């Protein structure tokens, strides 16, 4: 892999990890403001990851090649 591929795979891994952390924080928050803030973050990550998956398909990039095959934003990031 070249630097570009490593960068992209690492970036997607970090985005997915942060999205899952936002979901846990939202679900575990007792404070309404914090819960709403984390819900907003989660929505943003959901949107970014969904667009990345869609664009990968448009450009015929395998999702597993960039670390996006193992996540379903519609099920896991809502």
N, C-alpha and C. Protein backbone atom coordinates (compact mmCIF):
# COMPACT_ATOMS: atom_id res chain seq x y z
N UNK A 1 0.82 -1.19 0.00
CA UNK A 1 0.00 0.00 0.00
C UNK A 1 0.87 1.25 0.00
N UNK A 2 0.40 2.25 -0.70
CA UNK A 2 1.13 3.51 -0.66
C UNK A 2 0.57 4.41 0.45
N UNK A 3 1.16 5.57 0.62
CA UNK A 3 0.75 6.47 1.69
C UNK A 3 -0.71 6.88 1.58
N UNK A 4 -1.18 7.08 0.35
CA UNK A 4 -2.57 7.47 0.15
C UNK A 4 -3.53 6.41 0.67
N UNK A 5 -3.27 5.17 0.35
CA UNK A 5 -4.13 4.08 0.82
C UNK A 5 -4.06 3.94 2.32
N UNK A 6 -2.87 4.04 2.88
CA UNK A 6 -2.72 3.97 4.34
C UNK A 6 -3.46 5.11 5.02
N UNK A 7 -3.34 6.30 4.46
CA UNK A 7 -4.04 7.46 5.00
C UNK A 7 -5.54 7.25 4.99
N UNK A 8 -6.07 6.81 3.88
CA UNK A 8 -7.51 6.63 3.74
C UNK A 8 -8.03 5.54 4.67
N UNK A 9 -7.33 4.43 4.74
CA UNK A 9 -7.75 3.34 5.63
C UNK A 9 -7.70 3.80 7.09
N UNK A 10 -6.64 4.49 7.47
CA UNK A 10 -6.52 4.98 8.85
C UNK A 10 -7.60 6.01 9.16
N UNK A 11 -7.86 6.90 8.22
CA UNK A 11 -8.90 7.92 8.42
C UNK A 11 -10.26 7.28 8.62
N UNK A 12 -10.62 6.32 7.80
CA UNK A 12 -11.92 5.68 7.95
C UNK A 12 -12.01 4.93 9.28
N UNK A 13 -10.94 4.29 9.69
CA UNK A 13 -10.93 3.61 10.99
C UNK A 13 -11.17 4.59 12.12
N UNK A 14 -10.49 5.73 12.07
CA UNK A 14 -10.66 6.74 13.12
C UNK A 14 -12.07 7.32 13.12
N UNK A 15 -12.63 7.58 11.94
CA UNK A 15 -13.99 8.11 11.86
C UNK A 15 -15.01 7.14 12.43
N UNK A 16 -14.85 5.87 12.11
CA UNK A 16 -15.77 4.85 12.63
C UNK A 16 -15.65 4.74 14.14
N UNK A 17 -14.42 4.74 14.65
CA UNK A 17 -14.22 4.68 16.10
C UNK A 17 -14.85 5.87 16.80
N UNK A 18 -14.66 7.07 16.24
CA UNK A 18 -15.23 8.27 16.85
C UNK A 18 -16.75 8.26 16.78
N UNK A 19 -17.30 7.74 15.69
CA UNK A 19 -18.76 7.63 15.57
C UNK A 19 -19.32 6.69 16.63
N UNK A 20 -18.66 5.57 16.82
CA UNK A 20 -19.13 4.62 17.84
C UNK A 20 -19.00 5.20 19.24
N UNK A 21 -17.95 5.99 19.48
CA UNK A 21 -17.78 6.65 20.78
C UNK A 21 -18.88 7.69 21.00
N UNK A 22 -19.25 8.42 19.94
CA UNK A 22 -20.32 9.40 20.04
C UNK A 22 -21.65 8.71 20.37
N UNK A 23 -21.87 7.54 19.77
CA UNK A 23 -23.10 6.80 20.04
C UNK A 23 -23.14 6.35 21.50
N UNK A 24 -22.02 5.82 21.99
CA UNK A 24 -21.96 5.40 23.39
C UNK A 24 -22.16 6.58 24.33
N UNK A 25 -21.55 7.71 24.00
CA UNK A 25 -21.69 8.90 24.84
C UNK A 25 -23.13 9.40 24.83
N UNK A 26 -23.76 9.38 23.65
CA UNK A 26 -25.17 9.79 23.57
C UNK A 26 -26.05 8.88 24.41
N UNK A 27 -25.86 7.59 24.23
CA UNK A 27 -26.70 6.63 24.93
C UNK A 27 -26.46 6.62 26.43
N UNK A 28 -25.26 6.99 26.85
CA UNK A 28 -24.93 6.95 28.27
C UNK A 28 -25.10 8.27 28.99
N UNK A 29 -25.45 9.33 28.26
CA UNK A 29 -25.53 10.64 28.86
C UNK A 29 -26.82 10.81 29.66
N UNK A 30 -26.67 11.37 30.84
CA UNK A 30 -27.82 11.66 31.68
C UNK A 30 -28.26 13.13 31.51
N UNK A 31 -27.35 13.94 31.00
CA UNK A 31 -27.62 15.36 30.80
C UNK A 31 -28.19 15.58 29.39
N UNK A 32 -29.33 16.25 29.31
CA UNK A 32 -30.01 16.44 28.03
C UNK A 32 -29.16 17.21 27.03
N UNK A 33 -28.45 18.26 27.47
CA UNK A 33 -27.59 19.03 26.56
C UNK A 33 -26.48 18.15 26.00
N UNK A 34 -25.85 17.38 26.86
CA UNK A 34 -24.77 16.50 26.42
C UNK A 34 -25.30 15.44 25.46
N UNK A 35 -26.48 14.90 25.77
CA UNK A 35 -27.07 13.88 24.91
C UNK A 35 -27.36 14.45 23.52
N UNK A 36 -27.92 15.65 23.48
CA UNK A 36 -28.21 16.28 22.19
C UNK A 36 -26.93 16.61 21.42
N UNK A 37 -25.90 17.05 22.13
CA UNK A 37 -24.62 17.34 21.48
C UNK A 37 -24.04 16.08 20.86
N UNK A 38 -24.02 14.99 21.61
CA UNK A 38 -23.49 13.73 21.10
C UNK A 38 -24.36 13.19 19.97
N UNK A 39 -25.67 13.39 20.05
CA UNK A 39 -26.56 12.97 18.96
C UNK A 39 -26.24 13.73 17.68
N UNK A 40 -25.92 15.02 17.80
CA UNK A 40 -25.52 15.81 16.64
C UNK A 40 -24.22 15.32 16.04
N UNK A 41 -23.25 15.01 16.91
CA UNK A 41 -21.98 14.47 16.41
C UNK A 41 -22.21 13.15 15.69
N UNK A 42 -23.03 12.30 16.27
CA UNK A 42 -23.30 11.00 15.67
C UNK A 42 -23.96 11.17 14.31
N UNK A 43 -24.88 12.10 14.19
CA UNK A 43 -25.54 12.36 12.91
C UNK A 43 -24.52 12.81 11.86
N UNK A 44 -23.59 13.64 12.26
CA UNK A 44 -22.55 14.10 11.34
C UNK A 44 -21.67 12.93 10.89
N UNK A 45 -21.24 12.10 11.82
CA UNK A 45 -20.43 10.93 11.45
C UNK A 45 -21.21 9.99 10.55
N UNK A 46 -22.48 9.79 10.85
CA UNK A 46 -23.35 8.94 10.02
C UNK A 46 -23.35 9.45 8.59
N UNK A 47 -23.52 10.76 8.43
CA UNK A 47 -23.57 11.37 7.11
C UNK A 47 -22.25 11.21 6.37
N UNK A 48 -21.15 11.49 7.04
CA UNK A 48 -19.82 11.40 6.42
C UNK A 48 -19.52 9.97 5.99
N UNK A 49 -19.76 9.02 6.86
CA UNK A 49 -19.45 7.62 6.54
C UNK A 49 -20.35 7.11 5.43
N UNK A 50 -21.62 7.50 5.44
CA UNK A 50 -22.54 7.09 4.38
C UNK A 50 -22.09 7.64 3.02
N UNK A 51 -21.73 8.92 2.99
CA UNK A 51 -21.27 9.52 1.74
C UNK A 51 -19.98 8.86 1.26
N UNK A 52 -19.08 8.57 2.17
CA UNK A 52 -17.83 7.90 1.78
C UNK A 52 -18.12 6.54 1.15
N UNK A 53 -19.07 5.80 1.73
CA UNK A 53 -19.42 4.49 1.17
C UNK A 53 -20.06 4.65 -0.21
N UNK A 54 -20.96 5.60 -0.34
CA UNK A 54 -21.62 5.82 -1.63
C UNK A 54 -20.61 6.22 -2.70
N UNK A 55 -19.72 7.12 -2.37
CA UNK A 55 -18.73 7.58 -3.34
C UNK A 55 -17.75 6.48 -3.71
N UNK A 56 -17.41 5.65 -2.75
CA UNK A 56 -16.52 4.51 -3.05
C UNK A 56 -17.17 3.62 -4.10
N UNK A 57 -18.46 3.37 -3.95
CA UNK A 57 -19.17 2.54 -4.92
C UNK A 57 -19.20 3.20 -6.30
N UNK A 58 -19.42 4.51 -6.33
CA UNK A 58 -19.45 5.24 -7.60
C UNK A 58 -18.11 5.12 -8.33
N UNK A 59 -17.01 5.15 -7.58
CA UNK A 59 -15.68 5.07 -8.16
C UNK A 59 -15.13 3.65 -8.21
N UNK A 60 -15.99 2.68 -7.96
CA UNK A 60 -15.61 1.26 -8.01
C UNK A 60 -14.47 0.93 -7.07
N UNK A 61 -14.52 1.51 -5.89
CA UNK A 61 -13.53 1.21 -4.84
C UNK A 61 -14.17 0.24 -3.87
N UNK A 62 -13.51 -0.87 -3.66
CA UNK A 62 -14.04 -1.87 -2.72
C UNK A 62 -14.06 -1.28 -1.31
N UNK A 63 -15.18 -1.45 -0.61
CA UNK A 63 -15.30 -0.90 0.74
C UNK A 63 -14.27 -1.51 1.68
N UNK A 64 -13.95 -2.77 1.51
CA UNK A 64 -12.95 -3.39 2.39
C UNK A 64 -11.56 -2.82 2.15
N UNK A 65 -11.32 -2.29 0.95
CA UNK A 65 -10.01 -1.72 0.65
C UNK A 65 -9.74 -0.44 1.42
N UNK A 66 -10.81 0.23 1.84
CA UNK A 66 -10.64 1.48 2.58
C UNK A 66 -11.22 1.43 3.99
N UNK A 67 -11.53 0.23 4.45
CA UNK A 67 -11.97 0.06 5.83
C UNK A 67 -13.43 0.37 6.09
N UNK A 68 -14.26 0.39 5.06
CA UNK A 68 -15.66 0.74 5.23
C UNK A 68 -16.63 -0.42 5.05
N UNK A 69 -16.11 -1.62 4.87
CA UNK A 69 -16.99 -2.76 4.62
C UNK A 69 -17.69 -3.27 5.88
N UNK A 70 -17.11 -3.05 7.00
CA UNK A 70 -17.64 -3.65 8.22
C UNK A 70 -18.64 -2.81 8.98
N UNK A 71 -19.18 -1.77 8.35
CA UNK A 71 -20.11 -0.91 9.09
C UNK A 71 -21.32 -0.58 8.23
N UNK A 72 -22.49 -0.64 8.87
CA UNK A 72 -23.73 -0.25 8.23
C UNK A 72 -24.25 0.97 8.99
N UNK A 73 -24.02 2.18 8.45
CA UNK A 73 -24.43 3.38 9.18
C UNK A 73 -25.92 3.41 9.54
N UNK A 74 -26.75 2.84 8.68
CA UNK A 74 -28.19 2.86 8.93
C UNK A 74 -28.59 2.01 10.13
N UNK A 75 -27.77 1.04 10.48
CA UNK A 75 -28.06 0.17 11.63
C UNK A 75 -27.21 0.53 12.84
N UNK A 76 -25.96 0.89 12.60
CA UNK A 76 -25.01 1.05 13.69
C UNK A 76 -24.79 2.48 14.16
N UNK A 77 -25.16 3.45 13.33
CA UNK A 77 -24.87 4.83 13.67
C UNK A 77 -26.13 5.69 13.74
N UNK A 78 -27.17 5.14 14.35
CA UNK A 78 -28.41 5.91 14.54
C UNK A 78 -28.79 5.90 16.01
